[in-house]
Amino acid sequence: MQEQIIAILNEICGADPGEIRGDTPLFDEGLLDSFALVQLIVALEDQLSVSLDPAELERSDMATPAAIAATVAVHRA
């Protein structure tokens, strides 16, 4: 699932393949901002069949692709 999330992030952030890894700090690297985060949540919901409520998410839940994968896994269960 992490590979799918990285592919989604590459598309939203305009990142080059290999630029985003599982431990890449997305906010600190300037890859995600509030607008891109909304786009990411919508894409995750569409492509991974998960329901995410932005009001329930912490910044740390979306800080890295690995954290996003863990968040998606929790919300799928």
PDB file of N, CA and C in Angstrom:
ATOM      1  N   MET A   1       0.825  -1.191   0.000  1.00  0.00           N
ATOM      2  CA  MET A   1       0.000   0.000   0.000  1.00  0.00           C
ATOM      3  C   MET A   1       0.871   1.259   0.000  1.00  0.00           C
ATOM      4  N   GLN A   2       2.020   1.197   0.642  1.00  0.00           N
ATOM      5  CA  GLN A   2       2.885   2.371   0.710  1.00  0.00           C
ATOM      6  C   GLN A   2       3.316   2.809  -0.689  1.00  0.00           C
ATOM      7  N   GLU A   3       3.532   1.840  -1.582  1.00  0.00           N
ATOM      8  CA  GLU A   3       3.924   2.185  -2.952  1.00  0.00           C
ATOM      9  C   GLU A   3       2.801   2.947  -3.656  1.00  0.00           C
ATOM     10  N   GLN A   4       1.548   2.539  -3.421  1.00  0.00           N
ATOM     11  CA  GLN A   4       0.404   3.245  -3.993  1.00  0.00           C
ATOM     12  C   GLN A   4       0.336   4.668  -3.456  1.00  0.00           C
ATOM     13  N   ILE A   5       0.576   4.819  -2.172  1.00  0.00           N
ATOM     14  CA  ILE A   5       0.538   6.143  -1.547  1.00  0.00           C
ATOM     15  C   ILE A   5       1.638   7.025  -2.118  1.00  0.00           C
ATOM     16  N   ILE A   6       2.812   6.473  -2.303  1.00  0.00           N
ATOM     17  CA  ILE A   6       3.915   7.243  -2.881  1.00  0.00           C
ATOM     18  C   ILE A   6       3.573   7.655  -4.310  1.00  0.00           C
ATOM     19  N   ALA A   7       2.950   6.769  -5.076  1.00  0.00           N
ATOM     20  CA  ALA A   7       2.542   7.108  -6.447  1.00  0.00           C
ATOM     21  C   ALA A   7       1.525   8.253  -6.439  1.00  0.00           C
ATOM     22  N   ILE A   8       0.583   8.199  -5.521  1.00  0.00           N
ATOM     23  CA  ILE A   8      -0.409   9.277  -5.393  1.00  0.00           C
ATOM     24  C   ILE A   8       0.292  10.584  -5.021  1.00  0.00           C
ATOM     25  N   LEU A   9       1.215  10.513  -4.072  1.00  0.00           N
ATOM     26  CA  LEU A   9       1.958  11.709  -3.650  1.00  0.00           C
ATOM     27  C   LEU A   9       2.785  12.279  -4.794  1.00  0.00           C
ATOM     28  N   ASN A  10       3.432  11.408  -5.572  1.00  0.00           N
ATOM     29  CA  ASN A  10       4.221  11.881  -6.712  1.00  0.00           C
ATOM     30  C   ASN A  10       3.356  12.695  -7.662  1.00  0.00           C
ATOM     31  N   GLU A  11       2.139  12.209  -7.899  1.00  0.00           N
ATOM     32  CA  GLU A  11       1.221  12.898  -8.808  1.00  0.00           C
ATOM     33  C   GLU A  11       0.773  14.233  -8.223  1.00  0.00           C
ATOM     34  N   ILE A  12       0.378  14.237  -6.971  1.00  0.00           N
ATOM     35  CA  ILE A  12      -0.136  15.466  -6.337  1.00  0.00           C
ATOM     36  C   ILE A  12       0.968  16.501  -6.146  1.00  0.00           C
ATOM     37  N   CYS A  13       2.133  16.038  -5.718  1.00  0.00           N
ATOM     38  CA  CYS A  13       3.228  16.957  -5.386  1.00  0.00           C
ATOM     39  C   CYS A  13       4.109  17.299  -6.574  1.00  0.00           C
ATOM     40  N   GLY A  14       3.947  16.566  -7.673  1.00  0.00           N
ATOM     41  CA  GLY A  14       4.812  16.793  -8.823  1.00  0.00           C
ATOM     42  C   GLY A  14       6.239  16.343  -8.557  1.00  0.00           C
ATOM     43  N   ALA A  15       6.398  15.356  -7.690  1.00  0.00           N
ATOM     44  CA  ALA A  15       7.730  14.864  -7.331  1.00  0.00           C
ATOM     45  C   ALA A  15       8.247  13.900  -8.385  1.00  0.00           C
ATOM     46  N   ASP A  16       9.547  13.834  -8.490  1.00  0.00           N
ATOM     47  CA  ASP A  16      10.187  12.880  -9.393  1.00  0.00           C
ATOM     48  C   ASP A  16      10.173  11.499  -8.765  1.00  0.00           C
ATOM     49  N   PRO A  17      10.106  10.439  -9.597  1.00  0.00           N
ATOM     50  CA  PRO A  17      10.175   9.080  -9.044  1.00  0.00           C
ATOM     51  C   PRO A  17      11.440   8.923  -8.193  1.00  0.00           C
ATOM     52  N   GLY A  18      11.288   8.338  -7.037  1.00  0.00           N
ATOM     53  CA  GLY A  18      12.412   8.142  -6.131  1.00  0.00           C
ATOM     54  C   GLY A  18      12.640   9.287  -5.161  1.00  0.00           C
ATOM     55  N   GLU A  19      12.014  10.430  -5.413  1.00  0.00           N
ATOM     56  CA  GLU A  19      12.187  11.587  -4.523  1.00  0.00           C
ATOM     57  C   GLU A  19      11.488  11.356  -3.186  1.00  0.00           C
ATOM     58  N   ILE A  20      10.331  10.709  -3.230  1.00  0.00           N
ATOM     59  CA  ILE A  20       9.565  10.447  -2.010  1.00  0.00           C
ATOM     60  C   ILE A  20       9.765   8.994  -1.617  1.00  0.00           C
ATOM     61  N   ARG A  21      10.215   8.795  -0.381  1.00  0.00           N
ATOM     62  CA  ARG A  21      10.400   7.454   0.187  1.00  0.00           C
ATOM     63  C   ARG A  21       9.455   7.319   1.382  1.00  0.00           C
ATOM     64  N   GLY A  22       9.426   6.169   1.973  1.00  0.00           N
ATOM     65  CA  GLY A  22       8.536   5.909   3.093  1.00  0.00           C
ATOM     66  C   GLY A  22       8.742   6.832   4.272  1.00  0.00           C
ATOM     67  N   ASP A  23       9.983   7.291   4.465  1.00  0.00           N
ATOM     68  CA  ASP A  23      10.288   8.128   5.628  1.00  0.00           C
ATOM     69  C   ASP A  23      10.455   9.615   5.284  1.00  0.00           C
ATOM     70  N   THR A  24      10.092  10.004   4.077  1.00  0.00           N
ATOM     71  CA  THR A  24      10.237  11.402   3.674  1.00  0.00           C
ATOM     72  C   THR A  24       9.276  12.283   4.478  1.00  0.00           C
ATOM     73  N   PRO A  25       9.803  13.298   5.167  1.00  0.00           N
ATOM     74  CA  PRO A  25       8.933  14.216   5.920  1.00  0.00           C
ATOM     75  C   PRO A  25       8.245  15.184   4.948  1.00  0.00           C
ATOM     76  N   LEU A  26       7.016  14.899   4.626  1.00  0.00           N
ATOM     77  CA  LEU A  26       6.313  15.593   3.544  1.00  0.00           C
ATOM     78  C   LEU A  26       6.092  17.081   3.802  1.00  0.00           C
ATOM     79  N   PHE A  27       5.729  17.442   5.010  1.00  0.00           N
ATOM     80  CA  PHE A  27       5.514  18.859   5.323  1.00  0.00           C
ATOM     81  C   PHE A  27       6.845  19.597   5.434  1.00  0.00           C
ATOM     82  N   ASP A  28       7.819  18.983   6.104  1.00  0.00           N
ATOM     83  CA  ASP A  28       9.121  19.621   6.302  1.00  0.00           C
ATOM     84  C   ASP A  28       9.870  19.829   4.986  1.00  0.00           C
ATOM     85  N   GLU A  29       9.645  18.935   4.026  1.00  0.00           N
ATOM     86  CA  GLU A  29      10.295  19.051   2.717  1.00  0.00           C
ATOM     87  C   GLU A  29       9.530  19.982   1.772  1.00  0.00           C
ATOM     88  N   GLY A  30       8.385  20.484   2.228  1.00  0.00           N
ATOM     89  CA  GLY A  30       7.587  21.380   1.405  1.00  0.00           C
ATOM     90  C   GLY A  30       6.793  20.667   0.317  1.00  0.00           C
ATOM     91  N   LEU A  31       6.646  19.368   0.443  1.00  0.00           N
ATOM     92  CA  LEU A  31       5.904  18.600  -0.558  1.00  0.00           C
ATOM     93  C   LEU A  31       4.400  18.656  -0.325  1.00  0.00           C
ATOM     94  N   LEU A  32       3.988  18.802   0.931  1.00  0.00           N
ATOM     95  CA  LEU A  32       2.570  18.901   1.265  1.00  0.00           C
ATOM     96  C   LEU A  32       2.295  20.217   1.969  1.00  0.00           C
ATOM     97  N   ASP A  33       1.229  20.860   1.542  1.00  0.00           N
ATOM     98  CA  ASP A  33       0.691  22.012   2.259  1.00  0.00           C
ATOM     99  C   ASP A  33      -0.791  21.729   2.476  1.00  0.00           C
ATOM    100  N   SER A  34      -1.524  22.659   3.012  1.00  0.00           N
ATOM    101  CA  SER A  34      -2.921  22.383   3.347  1.00  0.00           C
ATOM    102  C   SER A  34      -3.752  22.054   2.114  1.00  0.00           C
ATOM    103  N   PHE A  35      -3.507  22.722   0.998  1.00  0.00           N
ATOM    104  CA  PHE A  35      -4.254  22.437  -0.227  1.00  0.00           C
ATOM    105  C   PHE A  35      -3.917  21.056  -0.765  1.00  0.00           C
ATOM    106  N   ALA A  36      -2.633  20.727  -0.819  1.00  0.00           N
ATOM    107  CA  ALA A  36      -2.213  19.410  -1.304  1.00  0.00           C
ATOM    108  C   ALA A  36      -2.705  18.307  -0.372  1.00  0.00           C
ATOM    109  N   LEU A  37      -2.803  18.602   0.909  1.00  0.00           N
ATOM    110  CA  LEU A  37      -3.303  17.617   1.865  1.00  0.00           C
ATOM    111  C   LEU A  37      -4.754  17.252   1.563  1.00  0.00           C
ATOM    112  N   VAL A  38      -5.568  18.245   1.239  1.00  0.00           N
ATOM    113  CA  VAL A  38      -6.963  17.978   0.878  1.00  0.00           C
ATOM    114  C   VAL A  38      -7.010  17.123  -0.390  1.00  0.00           C
ATOM    115  N   GLN A  39      -6.198  17.452  -1.374  1.00  0.00           N
ATOM    116  CA  GLN A  39      -6.129  16.651  -2.600  1.00  0.00           C
ATOM    117  C   GLN A  39      -5.713  15.217  -2.282  1.00  0.00           C
ATOM    118  N   LEU A  40      -4.759  15.069  -1.390  1.00  0.00           N
ATOM    119  CA  LEU A  40      -4.280  13.746  -1.004  1.00  0.00           C
ATOM    120  C   LEU A  40      -5.393  12.933  -0.349  1.00  0.00           C
ATOM    121  N   ILE A  41      -6.116  13.542   0.571  1.00  0.00           N
ATOM    122  CA  ILE A  41      -7.200  12.834   1.265  1.00  0.00           C
ATOM    123  C   ILE A  41      -8.256  12.363   0.265  1.00  0.00           C
ATOM    124  N   VAL A  42      -8.629  13.225  -0.668  1.00  0.00           N
ATOM    125  CA  VAL A  42      -9.609  12.850  -1.689  1.00  0.00           C
ATOM    126  C   VAL A  42      -9.080  11.699  -2.539  1.00  0.00           C
ATOM    127  N   ALA A  43      -7.823  11.773  -2.953  1.00  0.00           N
ATOM    128  CA  ALA A  43      -7.232  10.711  -3.779  1.00  0.00           C
ATOM    129  C   ALA A  43      -7.154   9.395  -3.008  1.00  0.00           C
ATOM    130  N   LEU A  44      -6.771   9.458  -1.743  1.00  0.00           N
ATOM    131  CA  LEU A  44      -6.707   8.244  -0.925  1.00  0.00           C
ATOM    132  C   LEU A  44      -8.083   7.609  -0.806  1.00  0.00           C
ATOM    133  N   GLU A  45      -9.094   8.428  -0.570  1.00  0.00           N
ATOM    134  CA  GLU A  45     -10.454   7.912  -0.448  1.00  0.00           C
ATOM    135  C   GLU A  45     -10.903   7.254  -1.750  1.00  0.00           C
ATOM    136  N   ASP A  46     -10.609   7.890  -2.873  1.00  0.00           N
ATOM    137  CA  ASP A  46     -11.021   7.357  -4.171  1.00  0.00           C
ATOM    138  C   ASP A  46     -10.262   6.087  -4.550  1.00  0.00           C
ATOM    139  N   GLN A  47      -8.962   6.109  -4.368  1.00  0.00           N
ATOM    140  CA  GLN A  47      -8.127   5.022  -4.887  1.00  0.00           C
ATOM    141  C   GLN A  47      -7.928   3.871  -3.907  1.00  0.00           C
ATOM    142  N   LEU A  48      -8.074   4.130  -2.616  1.00  0.00           N
ATOM    143  CA  LEU A  48      -7.821   3.077  -1.630  1.00  0.00           C
ATOM    144  C   LEU A  48      -9.081   2.679  -0.865  1.00  0.00           C
ATOM    145  N   SER A  49     -10.218   3.190  -1.273  1.00  0.00           N
ATOM    146  CA  SER A  49     -11.503   2.831  -0.656  1.00  0.00           C
ATOM    147  C   SER A  49     -11.472   2.963   0.864  1.00  0.00           C
ATOM    148  N   VAL A  50     -11.099   4.145   1.305  1.00  0.00           N
ATOM    149  CA  VAL A  50     -11.042   4.430   2.733  1.00  0.00           C
ATOM    150  C   VAL A  50     -11.767   5.742   2.972  1.00  0.00           C
ATOM    151  N   SER A  51     -12.317   5.914   4.156  1.00  0.00           N
ATOM    152  CA  SER A  51     -12.977   7.154   4.518  1.00  0.00           C
ATOM    153  C   SER A  51     -12.150   7.849   5.596  1.00  0.00           C
ATOM    154  N   LEU A  52     -11.674   9.047   5.276  1.00  0.00           N
ATOM    155  CA  LEU A  52     -10.848   9.807   6.215  1.00  0.00           C
ATOM    156  C   LEU A  52     -11.531  11.138   6.530  1.00  0.00           C
ATOM    157  N   ASP A  53     -11.698  11.413   7.796  1.00  0.00           N
ATOM    158  CA  ASP A  53     -12.271  12.683   8.229  1.00  0.00           C
ATOM    159  C   ASP A  53     -11.124  13.618   8.597  1.00  0.00           C
ATOM    160  N   PRO A  54     -10.901  14.676   7.816  1.00  0.00           N
ATOM    161  CA  PRO A  54      -9.785  15.583   8.107  1.00  0.00           C
ATOM    162  C   PRO A  54      -9.801  16.130   9.528  1.00  0.00           C
ATOM    163  N   ALA A  55     -10.976  16.295  10.110  1.00  0.00           N
ATOM    164  CA  ALA A  55     -11.076  16.824  11.476  1.00  0.00           C
ATOM    165  C   ALA A  55     -10.510  15.848  12.502  1.00  0.00           C
ATOM    166  N   GLU A  56     -10.465  14.582  12.160  1.00  0.00           N
ATOM    167  CA  GLU A  56      -9.957  13.566  13.084  1.00  0.00           C
ATOM    168  C   GLU A  56      -8.468  13.272  12.885  1.00  0.00           C
ATOM    169  N   LEU A  57      -7.880  13.813  11.821  1.00  0.00           N
ATOM    170  CA  LEU A  57      -6.482  13.519  11.514  1.00  0.00           C
ATOM    171  C   LEU A  57      -5.558  14.518  12.184  1.00  0.00           C
ATOM    172  N   GLU A  58      -4.462  13.998  12.692  1.00  0.00           N
ATOM    173  CA  GLU A  58      -3.385  14.840  13.228  1.00  0.00           C
ATOM    174  C   GLU A  58      -2.343  15.034  12.126  1.00  0.00           C
ATOM    175  N   ARG A  59      -1.583  16.084  12.220  1.00  0.00           N
ATOM    176  CA  ARG A  59      -0.509  16.305  11.242  1.00  0.00           C
ATOM    177  C   ARG A  59       0.436  15.107  11.199  1.00  0.00           C
ATOM    178  N   SER A  60       0.705  14.508  12.347  1.00  0.00           N
ATOM    179  CA  SER A  60       1.609  13.356  12.405  1.00  0.00           C
ATOM    180  C   SER A  60       1.057  12.150  11.646  1.00  0.00           C
ATOM    181  N   ASP A  61      -0.279  12.062  11.500  1.00  0.00           N
ATOM    182  CA  ASP A  61      -0.897  10.962  10.755  1.00  0.00           C
ATOM    183  C   ASP A  61      -0.561  11.030   9.273  1.00  0.00           C
ATOM    184  N   MET A  62      -0.206  12.214   8.794  1.00  0.00           N
ATOM    185  CA  MET A  62       0.042  12.426   7.377  1.00  0.00           C
ATOM    186  C   MET A  62       1.464  12.938   7.114  1.00  0.00           C
ATOM    187  N   ALA A  63       2.351  12.788   8.080  1.00  0.00           N
ATOM    188  CA  ALA A  63       3.681  13.385   8.006  1.00  0.00           C
ATOM    189  C   ALA A  63       4.621  12.697   7.026  1.00  0.00           C
ATOM    190  N   THR A  64       4.484  11.389   6.875  1.00  0.00           N
ATOM    191  CA  THR A  64       5.332  10.608   5.971  1.00  0.00           C
ATOM    192  C   THR A  64       4.461   9.592   5.242  1.00  0.00           C
ATOM    193  N   PRO A  65       4.929   9.061   4.121  1.00  0.00           N
ATOM    194  CA  PRO A  65       4.162   8.000   3.469  1.00  0.00           C
ATOM    195  C   PRO A  65       3.919   6.791   4.383  1.00  0.00           C
ATOM    196  N   ALA A  66       4.876   6.448   5.219  1.00  0.00           N
ATOM    197  CA  ALA A  66       4.694   5.336   6.153  1.00  0.00           C
ATOM    198  C   ALA A  66       3.582   5.643   7.156  1.00  0.00           C
ATOM    199  N   ALA A  67       3.547   6.873   7.648  1.00  0.00           N
ATOM    200  CA  ALA A  67       2.495   7.273   8.586  1.00  0.00           C
ATOM    201  C   ALA A  67       1.134   7.278   7.901  1.00  0.00           C
ATOM    202  N   ILE A  68       1.099   7.718   6.651  1.00  0.00           N
ATOM    203  CA  ILE A  68      -0.156   7.713   5.898  1.00  0.00           C
ATOM    204  C   ILE A  68      -0.645   6.281   5.714  1.00  0.00           C
ATOM    205  N   ALA A  69       0.262   5.366   5.381  1.00  0.00           N
ATOM    206  CA  ALA A  69      -0.112   3.954   5.205  1.00  0.00           C
ATOM    207  C   ALA A  69      -0.692   3.389   6.495  1.00  0.00           C
ATOM    208  N   ALA A  70      -0.091   3.721   7.633  1.00  0.00           N
ATOM    209  CA  ALA A  70      -0.603   3.242   8.918  1.00  0.00           C
ATOM    210  C   ALA A  70      -1.975   3.844   9.206  1.00  0.00           C
ATOM    211  N   THR A  71      -2.158   5.107   8.891  1.00  0.00           N
ATOM    212  CA  THR A  71      -3.449   5.769   9.101  1.00  0.00           C
ATOM    213  C   THR A  71      -4.535   5.139   8.237  1.00  0.00           C
ATOM    214  N   VAL A  72      -4.205   4.893   6.973  1.00  0.00           N
ATOM    215  CA  VAL A  72      -5.165   4.261   6.069  1.00  0.00           C
ATOM    216  C   VAL A  72      -5.529   2.864   6.568  1.00  0.00           C
ATOM    217  N   ALA A  73      -4.535   2.110   7.028  1.00  0.00           N
ATOM    218  CA  ALA A  73      -4.783   0.764   7.527  1.00  0.00           C
ATOM    219  C   ALA A  73      -5.740   0.782   8.717  1.00  0.00           C
ATOM    220  N   VAL A  74      -5.580   1.742   9.615  1.00  0.00           N
ATOM    221  CA  VAL A  74      -6.453   1.854  10.784  1.00  0.00           C
ATOM    222  C   VAL A  74      -7.881   2.183  10.362  1.00  0.00           C
ATOM    223  N   HIS A  75      -8.019   3.083   9.388  1.00  0.00           N
ATOM    224  CA  HIS A  75      -9.352   3.509   8.960  1.00  0.00           C
ATOM    225  C   HIS A  75     -10.044   2.502   8.050  1.00  0.00           C
ATOM    226  N   ARG A  76      -9.297   1.584   7.516  1.00  0.00           N
ATOM    227  CA  ARG A  76      -9.887   0.509   6.710  1.00  0.00           C
ATOM    228  C   ARG A  76     -10.433  -0.600   7.592  1.00  0.00           C
ATOM    229  N   ALA A  77      -9.850  -0.776   8.759  1.00  0.00           N
ATOM    230  CA  ALA A  77     -10.211  -1.892   9.643  1.00  0.00           C
ATOM    231  C   ALA A  77     -11.600  -1.753  10.218  1.00  0.00           C
TER     232      ALA A  77
END
